[in-house]
Full PDB file with SEQRES, HELIX, SHEET, SSBOND, CRYST1, ORIGX, SCALE, CONECT and MASTER records, all heavy atoms in Angstrom:
SEQRES   1 A   44  LYS LYS PHE GLY LYS TRP ARG GLY ALA VAL ALA VAL ALA          
SEQRES   2 A   44  HIS ALA VAL ALA VAL CYS ILE LEU ALA VAL MET PHE SER          
SEQRES   3 A   44  ARG LEU SER ASP ILE LEU ILE LEU GLN ASP ASP PRO ALA          
SEQRES   4 A   44  VAL THR ALA SER SER                                          
HELIX    1 AA1 GLY A    4  TRP A    6  5                                   3    
HELIX    2 AA2 ARG A    7  LEU A   34  1                                  28    
CRYST1    1.000    1.000    1.000  90.00  90.00  90.00 P 1           1          
ORIGX1      1.000000  0.000000  0.000000        0.00000                         
ORIGX2      0.000000  1.000000  0.000000        0.00000                         
ORIGX3      0.000000  0.000000  1.000000        0.00000                         
SCALE1      1.000000  0.000000  0.000000        0.00000                         
SCALE2      0.000000  1.000000  0.000000        0.00000                         
SCALE3      0.000000  0.000000  1.000000        0.00000                         
ATOM      1  N   LYS A   1    -115.942-102.004 -73.347  1.00  0.00           N  
ATOM      2  CA  LYS A   1    -117.048-102.962 -73.438  1.00  0.00           C  
ATOM      3  C   LYS A   1    -118.253-102.340 -74.132  1.00  0.00           C  
ATOM      4  O   LYS A   1    -118.896-102.963 -74.964  1.00  0.00           O  
ATOM      5  CB  LYS A   1    -117.418-103.431 -72.029  1.00  0.00           C  
ATOM      6  CG  LYS A   1    -118.612-104.313 -71.956  1.00  0.00           C  
ATOM      7  CD  LYS A   1    -118.233-105.716 -72.270  1.00  0.00           C  
ATOM      8  CE  LYS A   1    -119.429-106.614 -71.967  1.00  0.00           C  
ATOM      9  NZ  LYS A   1    -119.604-107.608 -72.957  1.00  0.00           N  
ATOM     10  N   LYS A   2    -118.562-101.079 -73.780  1.00  0.00           N  
ATOM     11  CA  LYS A   2    -119.756-100.433 -74.324  1.00  0.00           C  
ATOM     12  C   LYS A   2    -119.564 -99.914 -75.749  1.00  0.00           C  
ATOM     13  O   LYS A   2    -120.464-100.052 -76.585  1.00  0.00           O  
ATOM     14  CB  LYS A   2    -120.183 -99.276 -73.430  1.00  0.00           C  
ATOM     15  CG  LYS A   2    -120.788 -99.707 -72.121  1.00  0.00           C  
ATOM     16  CD  LYS A   2    -121.147 -98.517 -71.277  1.00  0.00           C  
ATOM     17  CE  LYS A   2    -122.484 -98.007 -71.712  1.00  0.00           C  
ATOM     18  NZ  LYS A   2    -122.986 -96.963 -70.812  1.00  0.00           N  
ATOM     19  N   PHE A   3    -118.397 -99.305 -76.025  1.00  0.00           N  
ATOM     20  CA  PHE A   3    -118.232 -98.591 -77.285  1.00  0.00           C  
ATOM     21  C   PHE A   3    -117.179 -99.180 -78.219  1.00  0.00           C  
ATOM     22  O   PHE A   3    -117.023 -98.704 -79.337  1.00  0.00           O  
ATOM     23  CB  PHE A   3    -117.881 -97.126 -77.011  1.00  0.00           C  
ATOM     24  CG  PHE A   3    -118.931 -96.403 -76.220  1.00  0.00           C  
ATOM     25  CD1 PHE A   3    -118.707 -96.054 -74.906  1.00  0.00           C  
ATOM     26  CD2 PHE A   3    -120.142 -96.085 -76.793  1.00  0.00           C  
ATOM     27  CE1 PHE A   3    -119.665 -95.389 -74.169  1.00  0.00           C  
ATOM     28  CE2 PHE A   3    -121.115 -95.428 -76.073  1.00  0.00           C  
ATOM     29  CZ  PHE A   3    -120.879 -95.082 -74.753  1.00  0.00           C  
ATOM     30  N   GLY A   4    -116.436-100.170 -77.761  1.00  0.00           N  
ATOM     31  CA  GLY A   4    -115.425-100.786 -78.615  1.00  0.00           C  
ATOM     32  C   GLY A   4    -114.313 -99.818 -78.958  1.00  0.00           C  
ATOM     33  O   GLY A   4    -113.840 -99.070 -78.118  1.00  0.00           O  
ATOM     34  N   LYS A   5    -113.902 -99.844 -80.220  1.00  0.00           N  
ATOM     35  CA  LYS A   5    -112.781 -98.979 -80.605  1.00  0.00           C  
ATOM     36  C   LYS A   5    -113.171 -97.516 -80.717  1.00  0.00           C  
ATOM     37  O   LYS A   5    -112.323 -96.667 -80.945  1.00  0.00           O  
ATOM     38  CB  LYS A   5    -112.148 -99.462 -81.899  1.00  0.00           C  
ATOM     39  CG  LYS A   5    -112.978 -99.257 -83.132  1.00  0.00           C  
ATOM     40  CD  LYS A   5    -112.201 -99.703 -84.346  1.00  0.00           C  
ATOM     41  CE  LYS A   5    -112.965 -99.443 -85.616  1.00  0.00           C  
ATOM     42  NZ  LYS A   5    -112.183 -99.768 -86.785  1.00  0.00           N  
ATOM     43  N   TRP A   6    -114.438 -97.198 -80.530  1.00  0.00           N  
ATOM     44  CA  TRP A   6    -114.891 -95.809 -80.613  1.00  0.00           C  
ATOM     45  C   TRP A   6    -114.965 -95.135 -79.243  1.00  0.00           C  
ATOM     46  O   TRP A   6    -115.547 -94.067 -79.105  1.00  0.00           O  
ATOM     47  CB  TRP A   6    -116.248 -95.736 -81.305  1.00  0.00           C  
ATOM     48  CG  TRP A   6    -116.156 -96.225 -82.698  1.00  0.00           C  
ATOM     49  CD1 TRP A   6    -116.646 -97.388 -83.189  1.00  0.00           C  
ATOM     50  CD2 TRP A   6    -115.482 -95.595 -83.779  1.00  0.00           C  
ATOM     51  NE1 TRP A   6    -116.333 -97.524 -84.507  1.00  0.00           N  
ATOM     52  CE2 TRP A   6    -115.610 -96.437 -84.899  1.00  0.00           C  
ATOM     53  CE3 TRP A   6    -114.769 -94.412 -83.911  1.00  0.00           C  
ATOM     54  CZ2 TRP A   6    -115.055 -96.108 -86.125  1.00  0.00           C  
ATOM     55  CZ3 TRP A   6    -114.227 -94.095 -85.134  1.00  0.00           C  
ATOM     56  CH2 TRP A   6    -114.377 -94.930 -86.230  1.00  0.00           C  
ATOM     57  N   ARG A   7    -114.362 -95.737 -78.232  1.00  0.00           N  
ATOM     58  CA  ARG A   7    -114.394 -95.128 -76.897  1.00  0.00           C  
ATOM     59  C   ARG A   7    -113.669 -93.788 -76.869  1.00  0.00           C  
ATOM     60  O   ARG A   7    -114.050 -92.883 -76.140  1.00  0.00           O  
ATOM     61  CB  ARG A   7    -113.816 -96.072 -75.855  1.00  0.00           C  
ATOM     62  CG  ARG A   7    -112.360 -96.393 -76.057  1.00  0.00           C  
ATOM     63  CD  ARG A   7    -111.873 -97.394 -75.057  1.00  0.00           C  
ATOM     64  NE  ARG A   7    -110.504 -97.792 -75.400  1.00  0.00           N  
ATOM     65  CZ  ARG A   7    -109.675 -98.326 -74.547  1.00  0.00           C  
ATOM     66  NH1 ARG A   7    -110.060 -98.559 -73.323  1.00  0.00           N  
ATOM     67  NH2 ARG A   7    -108.467 -98.659 -74.915  1.00  0.00           N  
ATOM     68  N   GLY A   8    -112.649 -93.640 -77.674  1.00  0.00           N  
ATOM     69  CA  GLY A   8    -111.945 -92.357 -77.752  1.00  0.00           C  
ATOM     70  C   GLY A   8    -112.799 -91.273 -78.391  1.00  0.00           C  
ATOM     71  O   GLY A   8    -112.761 -90.119 -77.975  1.00  0.00           O  
ATOM     72  N   ALA A   9    -113.590 -91.665 -79.378  1.00  0.00           N  
ATOM     73  CA  ALA A   9    -114.467 -90.694 -80.039  1.00  0.00           C  
ATOM     74  C   ALA A   9    -115.549 -90.201 -79.076  1.00  0.00           C  
ATOM     75  O   ALA A   9    -115.929 -89.018 -79.113  1.00  0.00           O  
ATOM     76  CB  ALA A   9    -115.103 -91.319 -81.272  1.00  0.00           C  
ATOM     77  N   VAL A  10    -116.031 -91.078 -78.218  1.00  0.00           N  
ATOM     78  CA  VAL A  10    -117.018 -90.668 -77.212  1.00  0.00           C  
ATOM     79  C   VAL A  10    -116.398 -89.677 -76.239  1.00  0.00           C  
ATOM     80  O   VAL A  10    -117.022 -88.668 -75.875  1.00  0.00           O  
ATOM     81  CB  VAL A  10    -117.573 -91.913 -76.480  1.00  0.00           C  
ATOM     82  CG1 VAL A  10    -118.447 -91.519 -75.314  1.00  0.00           C  
ATOM     83  CG2 VAL A  10    -118.339 -92.806 -77.435  1.00  0.00           C  
ATOM     84  N   ALA A  11    -115.171 -89.923 -75.828  1.00  0.00           N  
ATOM     85  CA  ALA A  11    -114.482 -89.001 -74.921  1.00  0.00           C  
ATOM     86  C   ALA A  11    -114.241 -87.653 -75.586  1.00  0.00           C  
ATOM     87  O   ALA A  11    -114.388 -86.600 -74.952  1.00  0.00           O  
ATOM     88  CB  ALA A  11    -113.171 -89.615 -74.446  1.00  0.00           C  
ATOM     89  N   VAL A  12    -113.882 -87.660 -76.855  1.00  0.00           N  
ATOM     90  CA  VAL A  12    -113.658 -86.396 -77.581  1.00  0.00           C  
ATOM     91  C   VAL A  12    -114.972 -85.629 -77.726  1.00  0.00           C  
ATOM     92  O   VAL A  12    -115.002 -84.399 -77.582  1.00  0.00           O  
ATOM     93  CB  VAL A  12    -113.010 -86.665 -78.956  1.00  0.00           C  
ATOM     94  CG1 VAL A  12    -113.019 -85.424 -79.830  1.00  0.00           C  
ATOM     95  CG2 VAL A  12    -111.594 -87.179 -78.779  1.00  0.00           C  
ATOM     96  N   ALA A  13    -116.078 -86.336 -77.976  1.00  0.00           N  
ATOM     97  CA  ALA A  13    -117.384 -85.668 -78.080  1.00  0.00           C  
ATOM     98  C   ALA A  13    -117.770 -85.015 -76.753  1.00  0.00           C  
ATOM     99  O   ALA A  13    -118.283 -83.891 -76.731  1.00  0.00           O  
ATOM    100  CB  ALA A  13    -118.445 -86.668 -78.516  1.00  0.00           C  
ATOM    101  N   HIS A  14    -117.500 -85.700 -75.651  1.00  0.00           N  
ATOM    102  CA  HIS A  14    -117.774 -85.106 -74.350  1.00  0.00           C  
ATOM    103  C   HIS A  14    -116.849 -83.919 -74.081  1.00  0.00           C  
ATOM    104  O   HIS A  14    -117.255 -82.951 -73.437  1.00  0.00           O  
ATOM    105  CB  HIS A  14    -117.636 -86.152 -73.238  1.00  0.00           C  
ATOM    106  CG  HIS A  14    -118.834 -87.021 -73.102  1.00  0.00           C  
ATOM    107  ND1 HIS A  14    -119.051 -88.122 -73.893  1.00  0.00           N  
ATOM    108  CD2 HIS A  14    -119.889 -86.939 -72.265  1.00  0.00           C  
ATOM    109  CE1 HIS A  14    -120.181 -88.691 -73.546  1.00  0.00           C  
ATOM    110  NE2 HIS A  14    -120.718 -87.989 -72.551  1.00  0.00           N  
ATOM    111  N   ALA A  15    -115.630 -83.995 -74.563  1.00  0.00           N  
ATOM    112  CA  ALA A  15    -114.695 -82.885 -74.390  1.00  0.00           C  
ATOM    113  C   ALA A  15    -115.182 -81.645 -75.136  1.00  0.00           C  
ATOM    114  O   ALA A  15    -115.057 -80.524 -74.623  1.00  0.00           O  
ATOM    115  CB  ALA A  15    -113.309 -83.283 -74.884  1.00  0.00           C  
ATOM    116  N   VAL A  16    -115.733 -81.844 -76.308  1.00  0.00           N  
ATOM    117  CA  VAL A  16    -116.282 -80.707 -77.060  1.00  0.00           C  
ATOM    118  C   VAL A  16    -117.437 -80.078 -76.287  1.00  0.00           C  
ATOM    119  O   VAL A  16    -117.552 -78.851 -76.194  1.00  0.00           O  
ATOM    120  CB  VAL A  16    -116.722 -81.162 -78.468  1.00  0.00           C  
ATOM    121  CG1 VAL A  16    -117.540 -80.095 -79.167  1.00  0.00           C  
ATOM    122  CG2 VAL A  16    -115.512 -81.529 -79.308  1.00  0.00           C  
ATOM    123  N   ALA A  17    -118.292 -80.917 -75.688  1.00  0.00           N  
ATOM    124  CA  ALA A  17    -119.411 -80.401 -74.901  1.00  0.00           C  
ATOM    125  C   ALA A  17    -118.910 -79.618 -73.681  1.00  0.00           C  
ATOM    126  O   ALA A  17    -119.463 -78.564 -73.336  1.00  0.00           O  
ATOM    127  CB  ALA A  17    -120.319 -81.543 -74.458  1.00  0.00           C  
ATOM    128  N   VAL A  18    -117.864 -80.097 -73.036  1.00  0.00           N  
ATOM    129  CA  VAL A  18    -117.297 -79.394 -71.879  1.00  0.00           C  
ATOM    130  C   VAL A  18    -116.695 -78.062 -72.315  1.00  0.00           C  
ATOM    131  O   VAL A  18    -116.847 -77.046 -71.627  1.00  0.00           O  
ATOM    132  CB  VAL A  18    -116.252 -80.282 -71.169  1.00  0.00           C  
ATOM    133  CG1 VAL A  18    -115.461 -79.495 -70.152  1.00  0.00           C  
ATOM    134  CG2 VAL A  18    -116.931 -81.462 -70.508  1.00  0.00           C  
ATOM    135  N   CYS A  19    -116.039 -78.025 -73.463  1.00  0.00           N  
ATOM    136  CA  CYS A  19    -115.463 -76.771 -73.957  1.00  0.00           C  
ATOM    137  C   CYS A  19    -116.561 -75.769 -74.331  1.00  0.00           C  
ATOM    138  O   CYS A  19    -116.396 -74.564 -74.108  1.00  0.00           O  
ATOM    139  CB  CYS A  19    -114.544 -77.035 -75.144  1.00  0.00           C  
ATOM    140  SG  CYS A  19    -113.001 -77.823 -74.667  1.00  0.00           S  
ATOM    141  N   ILE A  20    -117.661 -76.251 -74.865  1.00  0.00           N  
ATOM    142  CA  ILE A  20    -118.795 -75.361 -75.160  1.00  0.00           C  
ATOM    143  C   ILE A  20    -119.351 -74.785 -73.862  1.00  0.00           C  
ATOM    144  O   ILE A  20    -119.699 -73.599 -73.792  1.00  0.00           O  
ATOM    145  CB  ILE A  20    -119.878 -76.113 -75.962  1.00  0.00           C  
ATOM    146  CG1 ILE A  20    -119.375 -76.368 -77.381  1.00  0.00           C  
ATOM    147  CG2 ILE A  20    -121.187 -75.343 -75.990  1.00  0.00           C  
ATOM    148  CD1 ILE A  20    -120.266 -77.256 -78.209  1.00  0.00           C  
ATOM    149  N   LEU A  21    -119.420 -75.593 -72.810  1.00  0.00           N  
ATOM    150  CA  LEU A  21    -119.855 -75.107 -71.504  1.00  0.00           C  
ATOM    151  C   LEU A  21    -118.899 -74.032 -70.984  1.00  0.00           C  
ATOM    152  O   LEU A  21    -119.336 -73.027 -70.418  1.00  0.00           O  
ATOM    153  CB  LEU A  21    -119.937 -76.275 -70.519  1.00  0.00           C  
ATOM    154  CG  LEU A  21    -120.404 -75.954 -69.117  1.00  0.00           C  
ATOM    155  CD1 LEU A  21    -121.882 -75.592 -69.128  1.00  0.00           C  
ATOM    156  CD2 LEU A  21    -120.158 -77.133 -68.209  1.00  0.00           C  
ATOM    157  N   ALA A  22    -117.607 -74.227 -71.206  1.00  0.00           N  
ATOM    158  CA  ALA A  22    -116.623 -73.225 -70.776  1.00  0.00           C  
ATOM    159  C   ALA A  22    -116.804 -71.913 -71.537  1.00  0.00           C  
ATOM    160  O   ALA A  22    -116.661 -70.832 -70.951  1.00  0.00           O  
ATOM    161  CB  ALA A  22    -115.215 -73.755 -70.973  1.00  0.00           C  
ATOM    162  N   VAL A  23    -117.121 -71.992 -72.801  1.00  0.00           N  
ATOM    163  CA  VAL A  23    -117.360 -70.779 -73.587  1.00  0.00           C  
ATOM    164  C   VAL A  23    -118.603 -70.052 -73.072  1.00  0.00           C  
ATOM    165  O   VAL A  23    -118.632 -68.821 -73.001  1.00  0.00           O  
ATOM    166  CB  VAL A  23    -117.485 -71.120 -75.087  1.00  0.00           C  
ATOM    167  CG1 VAL A  23    -118.013 -69.947 -75.881  1.00  0.00           C  
ATOM    168  CG2 VAL A  23    -116.147 -71.570 -75.632  1.00  0.00           C  
ATOM    169  N   MET A  24    -119.620 -70.819 -72.658  1.00  0.00           N  
ATOM    170  CA  MET A  24    -120.815 -70.188 -72.094  1.00  0.00           C  
ATOM    171  C   MET A  24    -120.480 -69.449 -70.797  1.00  0.00           C  
ATOM    172  O   MET A  24    -120.968 -68.341 -70.574  1.00  0.00           O  
ATOM    173  CB  MET A  24    -121.903 -71.243 -71.864  1.00  0.00           C  
ATOM    174  CG  MET A  24    -122.511 -71.764 -73.145  1.00  0.00           C  
ATOM    175  SD  MET A  24    -123.651 -73.139 -72.989  1.00  0.00           S  
ATOM    176  CE  MET A  24    -124.500 -72.875 -71.501  1.00  0.00           C  
ATOM    177  N   PHE A  25    -119.637 -70.036 -69.949  1.00  0.00           N  
ATOM    178  CA  PHE A  25    -119.211 -69.348 -68.737  1.00  0.00           C  
ATOM    179  C   PHE A  25    -118.375 -68.111 -69.073  1.00  0.00           C  
ATOM    180  O   PHE A  25    -118.460 -67.093 -68.378  1.00  0.00           O  
ATOM    181  CB  PHE A  25    -118.418 -70.285 -67.827  1.00  0.00           C  
ATOM    182  CG  PHE A  25    -119.279 -71.092 -66.909  1.00  0.00           C  
ATOM    183  CD1 PHE A  25    -119.472 -72.439 -67.141  1.00  0.00           C  
ATOM    184  CD2 PHE A  25    -119.886 -70.508 -65.822  1.00  0.00           C  
ATOM    185  CE1 PHE A  25    -120.265 -73.191 -66.307  1.00  0.00           C  
ATOM    186  CE2 PHE A  25    -120.679 -71.251 -64.975  1.00  0.00           C  
ATOM    187  CZ  PHE A  25    -120.872 -72.597 -65.212  1.00  0.00           C  
ATOM    188  N   SER A  26    -117.597 -68.192 -70.126  1.00  0.00           N  
ATOM    189  CA  SER A  26    -116.806 -67.040 -70.540  1.00  0.00           C  
ATOM    190  C   SER A  26    -117.708 -65.900 -71.000  1.00  0.00           C  
ATOM    191  O   SER A  26    -117.451 -64.729 -70.703  1.00  0.00           O  
ATOM    192  CB  SER A  26    -115.849 -67.459 -71.654  1.00  0.00           C  
ATOM    193  OG  SER A  26    -115.153 -66.352 -72.136  1.00  0.00           O  
ATOM    194  N   ARG A  27    -118.752 -66.242 -71.721  1.00  0.00           N  
ATOM    195  CA  ARG A  27    -119.715 -65.211 -72.157  1.00  0.00           C  
ATOM    196  C   ARG A  27    -120.428 -64.603 -70.953  1.00  0.00           C  
ATOM    197  O   ARG A  27    -120.703 -63.408 -70.929  1.00  0.00           O  
ATOM    198  CB  ARG A  27    -120.750 -65.799 -73.116  1.00  0.00           C  
ATOM    199  CG  ARG A  27    -120.182 -66.359 -74.377  1.00  0.00           C  
ATOM    200  CD  ARG A  27    -119.591 -65.284 -75.230  1.00  0.00           C  
ATOM    201  NE  ARG A  27    -119.066 -65.908 -76.435  1.00  0.00           N  
ATOM    202  CZ  ARG A  27    -118.264 -65.331 -77.264  1.00  0.00           C  
ATOM    203  NH1 ARG A  27    -117.876 -64.114 -77.048  1.00  0.00           N  
ATOM    204  NH2 ARG A  27    -117.809 -65.958 -78.312  1.00  0.00           N  
ATOM    205  N   LEU A  28    -120.717 -65.426 -69.950  1.00  0.00           N  
ATOM    206  CA  LEU A  28    -121.327 -64.912 -68.730  1.00  0.00           C  
ATOM    207  C   LEU A  28    -120.390 -63.931 -68.036  1.00  0.00           C  
ATOM    208  O   LEU A  28    -120.825 -62.908 -67.505  1.00  0.00           O  
ATOM    209  CB  LEU A  28    -121.672 -66.072 -67.793  1.00  0.00           C  
ATOM    210  CG  LEU A  28    -122.277 -65.712 -66.450  1.00  0.00           C  
ATOM    211  CD1 LEU A  28    -123.656 -65.105 -66.641  1.00  0.00           C  
ATOM    212  CD2 LEU A  28    -122.358 -66.932 -65.565  1.00  0.00           C  
ATOM    213  N   SER A  29    -119.119 -64.226 -68.072  1.00  0.00           N  
ATOM    214  CA  SER A  29    -118.126 -63.310 -67.510  1.00  0.00           C  
ATOM    215  C   SER A  29    -118.143 -61.978 -68.249  1.00  0.00           C  
ATOM    216  O   SER A  29    -118.040 -60.910 -67.625  1.00  0.00           O  
ATOM    217  CB  SER A  29    -116.746 -63.956 -67.596  1.00  0.00           C  
ATOM    218  OG  SER A  29    -115.752 -63.017 -67.424  1.00  0.00           O  
ATOM    219  N   ASP A  30    -118.274 -62.022 -69.565  1.00  0.00           N  
ATOM    220  CA  ASP A  30    -118.335 -60.779 -70.349  1.00  0.00           C  
ATOM    221  C   ASP A  30    -119.575 -59.962 -69.999  1.00  0.00           C  
ATOM    222  O   ASP A  30    -119.531 -58.735 -69.955  1.00  0.00           O  
ATOM    223  CB  ASP A  30    -118.325 -61.093 -71.842  1.00  0.00           C  
ATOM    224  CG  ASP A  30    -117.010 -61.686 -72.311  1.00  0.00           C  
ATOM    225  OD1 ASP A  30    -116.013 -61.536 -71.572  1.00  0.00           O  
ATOM    226  OD2 ASP A  30    -116.992 -62.310 -73.382  1.00  0.00           O  
ATOM    227  N   ILE A  31    -120.683 -60.642 -69.750  1.00  0.00           N  
ATOM    228  CA  ILE A  31    -121.915 -59.939 -69.387  1.00  0.00           C  
ATOM    229  C   ILE A  31    -121.773 -59.311 -68.006  1.00  0.00           C  
ATOM    230  O   ILE A  31    -122.227 -58.194 -67.771  1.00  0.00           O  
ATOM    231  CB  ILE A  31    -123.116 -60.910 -69.442  1.00  0.00           C  
ATOM    232  CG1 ILE A  31    -123.395 -61.298 -70.896  1.00  0.00           C  
ATOM    233  CG2 ILE A  31    -124.354 -60.295 -68.812  1.00  0.00           C  
ATOM    234  CD1 ILE A  31    -124.408 -62.394 -71.052  1.00  0.00           C  
ATOM    235  N   LEU A  32    -121.118 -60.016 -67.078  1.00  0.00           N  
ATOM    236  CA  LEU A  32    -120.948 -59.474 -65.731  1.00  0.00           C  
ATOM    237  C   LEU A  32    -120.058 -58.243 -65.705  1.00  0.00           C  
ATOM    238  O   LEU A  32    -120.217 -57.382 -64.840  1.00  0.00           O  
ATOM    239  CB  LEU A  32    -120.377 -60.548 -64.804  1.00  0.00           C  
ATOM    240  CG  LEU A  32    -121.348 -61.637 -64.369  1.00  0.00           C  
ATOM    241  CD1 LEU A  32    -120.616 -62.688 -63.545  1.00  0.00           C  
ATOM    242  CD2 LEU A  32    -122.494 -61.052 -63.575  1.00  0.00           C  
ATOM    243  N   ILE A  33    -119.125 -58.149 -66.636  1.00  0.00           N  
ATOM    244  CA  ILE A  33    -118.255 -56.972 -66.696  1.00  0.00           C  
ATOM    245  C   ILE A  33    -119.079 -55.726 -67.043  1.00  0.00           C  
ATOM    246  O   ILE A  33    -118.806 -54.636 -66.544  1.00  0.00           O  
ATOM    247  CB  ILE A  33    -117.121 -57.194 -67.725  1.00  0.00           C  
ATOM    248  CG1 ILE A  33    -116.136 -58.210 -67.174  1.00  0.00           C  
ATOM    249  CG2 ILE A  33    -116.403 -55.898 -68.045  1.00  0.00           C  
ATOM    250  CD1 ILE A  33    -115.078 -58.627 -68.159  1.00  0.00           C  
ATOM    251  N   LEU A  34    -120.105 -55.882 -67.856  1.00  0.00           N  
ATOM    252  CA  LEU A  34    -120.915 -54.744 -68.292  1.00  0.00           C  
ATOM    253  C   LEU A  34    -121.850 -54.230 -67.197  1.00  0.00           C  
ATOM    254  O   LEU A  34    -122.321 -53.101 -67.283  1.00  0.00           O  
ATOM    255  CB  LEU A  34    -121.714 -55.121 -69.532  1.00  0.00           C  
ATOM    256  CG  LEU A  34    -120.881 -55.491 -70.763  1.00  0.00           C  
ATOM    257  CD1 LEU A  34    -121.782 -55.940 -71.893  1.00  0.00           C  
ATOM    258  CD2 LEU A  34    -120.017 -54.326 -71.187  1.00  0.00           C  
ATOM    259  N   GLN A  35    -122.141 -55.044 -66.177  1.00  0.00           N  
ATOM    260  CA  GLN A  35    -123.048 -54.606 -65.112  1.00  0.00           C  
ATOM    261  C   GLN A  35    -122.323 -53.672 -64.138  1.00  0.00           C  
ATOM    262  O   GLN A  35    -121.112 -53.754 -63.957  1.00  0.00           O  
ATOM    263  CB  GLN A  35    -123.593 -55.814 -64.358  1.00  0.00           C  
ATOM    264  CG  GLN A  35    -124.552 -56.643 -65.176  1.00  0.00           C  
ATOM    265  CD  GLN A  35    -125.119 -57.787 -64.353  1.00  0.00           C  
ATOM    266  OE1 GLN A  35    -124.674 -58.047 -63.251  1.00  0.00           O  
ATOM    267  NE2 GLN A  35    -126.104 -58.448 -64.908  1.00  0.00           N  
ATOM    268  N   ASP A  36    -123.096 -52.816 -63.515  1.00  0.00           N  
ATOM    269  CA  ASP A  36    -122.512 -51.853 -62.571  1.00  0.00           C  
ATOM    270  C   ASP A  36    -122.111 -52.506 -61.249  1.00  0.00           C  
ATOM    271  O   ASP A  36    -121.016 -52.299 -60.756  1.00  0.00           O  
ATOM    272  CB  ASP A  36    -123.504 -50.723 -62.287  1.00  0.00           C  
ATOM    273  CG  ASP A  36    -123.709 -49.845 -63.506  1.00  0.00           C  
ATOM    274  OD1 ASP A  36    -122.789 -49.786 -64.339  1.00  0.00           O  
ATOM    275  OD2 ASP A  36    -124.785 -49.238 -63.615  1.00  0.00           O  
ATOM    276  N   ASP A  37    -123.003 -53.289 -60.669  1.00  0.00           N  
ATOM    277  CA  ASP A  37    -122.739 -53.895 -59.362  1.00  0.00           C  
ATOM    278  C   ASP A  37    -123.109 -55.381 -59.417  1.00  0.00           C  
ATOM    279  O   ASP A  37    -124.184 -55.776 -58.968  1.00  0.00           O  
ATOM    280  CB  ASP A  37    -123.542 -53.180 -58.279  1.00  0.00           C  
ATOM    281  CG  ASP A  37    -123.151 -53.629 -56.895  1.00  0.00           C  
ATOM    282  OD1 ASP A  37    -122.029 -54.148 -56.743  1.00  0.00           O  
ATOM    283  OD2 ASP A  37    -123.968 -53.464 -55.975  1.00  0.00           O  
ATOM    284  N   PRO A  38    -122.222 -56.219 -59.969  1.00  0.00           N  
ATOM    285  CA  PRO A  38    -122.557 -57.646 -60.076  1.00  0.00           C  
ATOM    286  C   PRO A  38    -122.469 -58.342 -58.717  1.00  0.00           C  
ATOM    287  O   PRO A  38    -121.680 -57.971 -57.847  1.00  0.00           O  
ATOM    288  CB  PRO A  38    -121.508 -58.193 -61.036  1.00  0.00           C  
ATOM    289  CG  PRO A  38    -120.350 -57.276 -60.862  1.00  0.00           C  
ATOM    290  CD  PRO A  38    -120.926 -55.925 -60.553  1.00  0.00           C  
ATOM    291  N   ALA A  39    -123.290 -59.357 -58.539  1.00  0.00           N  
ATOM    292  CA  ALA A  39    -123.261 -60.134 -57.297  1.00  0.00           C  
ATOM    293  C   ALA A  39    -122.027 -61.036 -57.243  1.00  0.00           C  
ATOM    294  O   ALA A  39    -121.481 -61.294 -56.186  1.00  0.00           O  
ATOM    295  CB  ALA A  39    -124.527 -60.973 -57.186  1.00  0.00           C  
ATOM    296  N   VAL A  40    -121.582 -61.513 -58.397  1.00  0.00           N  
ATOM    297  CA  VAL A  40    -120.396 -62.357 -58.501  1.00  0.00           C  
ATOM    298  C   VAL A  40    -119.371 -61.610 -59.339  1.00  0.00           C  
ATOM    299  O   VAL A  40    -119.711 -61.011 -60.352  1.00  0.00           O  
ATOM    300  CB  VAL A  40    -120.755 -63.709 -59.170  1.00  0.00           C  
ATOM    301  CG1 VAL A  40    -119.537 -64.581 -59.295  1.00  0.00           C  
ATOM    302  CG2 VAL A  40    -121.851 -64.409 -58.403  1.00  0.00           C  
ATOM    303  N   THR A  41    -118.141 -61.653 -58.924  1.00  0.00           N  
ATOM    304  CA  THR A  41    -117.126 -60.934 -59.693  1.00  0.00           C  
ATOM    305  C   THR A  41    -116.858 -61.639 -61.018  1.00  0.00           C  
ATOM    306  O   THR A  41    -116.948 -62.865 -61.119  1.00  0.00           O  
ATOM    307  CB  THR A  41    -115.816 -60.827 -58.901  1.00  0.00           C  
ATOM    308  OG1 THR A  41    -115.325 -62.142 -58.649  1.00  0.00           O  
ATOM    309  CG2 THR A  41    -116.030 -60.095 -57.603  1.00  0.00           C  
ATOM    310  N   ALA A  42    -116.530 -60.858 -62.003  1.00  0.00           N  
ATOM    311  CA  ALA A  42    -116.283 -61.405 -63.334  1.00  0.00           C  
ATOM    312  C   ALA A  42    -115.013 -62.232 -63.361  1.00  0.00           C  
ATOM    313  O   ALA A  42    -114.907 -63.195 -64.125  1.00  0.00           O  
ATOM    314  CB  ALA A  42    -116.211 -60.280 -64.354  1.00  0.00           C  
ATOM    315  N   SER A  43    -114.049 -61.890 -62.530  1.00  0.00           N  
ATOM    316  CA  SER A  43    -112.791 -62.642 -62.551  1.00  0.00           C  
ATOM    317  C   SER A  43    -112.983 -64.064 -62.027  1.00  0.00           C  
ATOM    318  O   SER A  43    -112.337 -64.993 -62.504  1.00  0.00           O  
ATOM    319  CB  SER A  43    -111.726 -61.914 -61.746  1.00  0.00           C  
ATOM    320  OG  SER A  43    -112.119 -61.807 -60.397  1.00  0.00           O  
ATOM    321  N   SER A  44    -113.865 -64.258 -61.054  1.00  0.00           N  
ATOM    322  CA  SER A  44    -114.099 -65.612 -60.557  1.00  0.00           C  
ATOM    323  C   SER A  44    -114.814 -66.465 -61.589  1.00  0.00           C  
ATOM    324  O   SER A  44    -114.519 -67.652 -61.739  1.00  0.00           O  
ATOM    325  CB  SER A  44    -114.884 -65.579 -59.250  1.00  0.00           C  
ATOM    326  OG  SER A  44    -116.166 -65.025 -59.460  1.00  0.00           O  
TER     327      SER A  44                                                      
MASTER        0    0    0    2    0    0    0    6  326    1    0    4          
END                                                                             
C-alpha cells in the first residue's frame, strides 16, 4: 500500500543498513581484541 512495486527495494535498502551495522559491530570486536582487559569478550 505504501510503496507499491518498490516494496522489495525498501527491504533491500534496510538490509544494507543492517549489514553496515553488523560491520560496525565487527570492527568493535577487532578493537576489543587489542585491549588488555576488555569488559565484554570479543567473541560475544
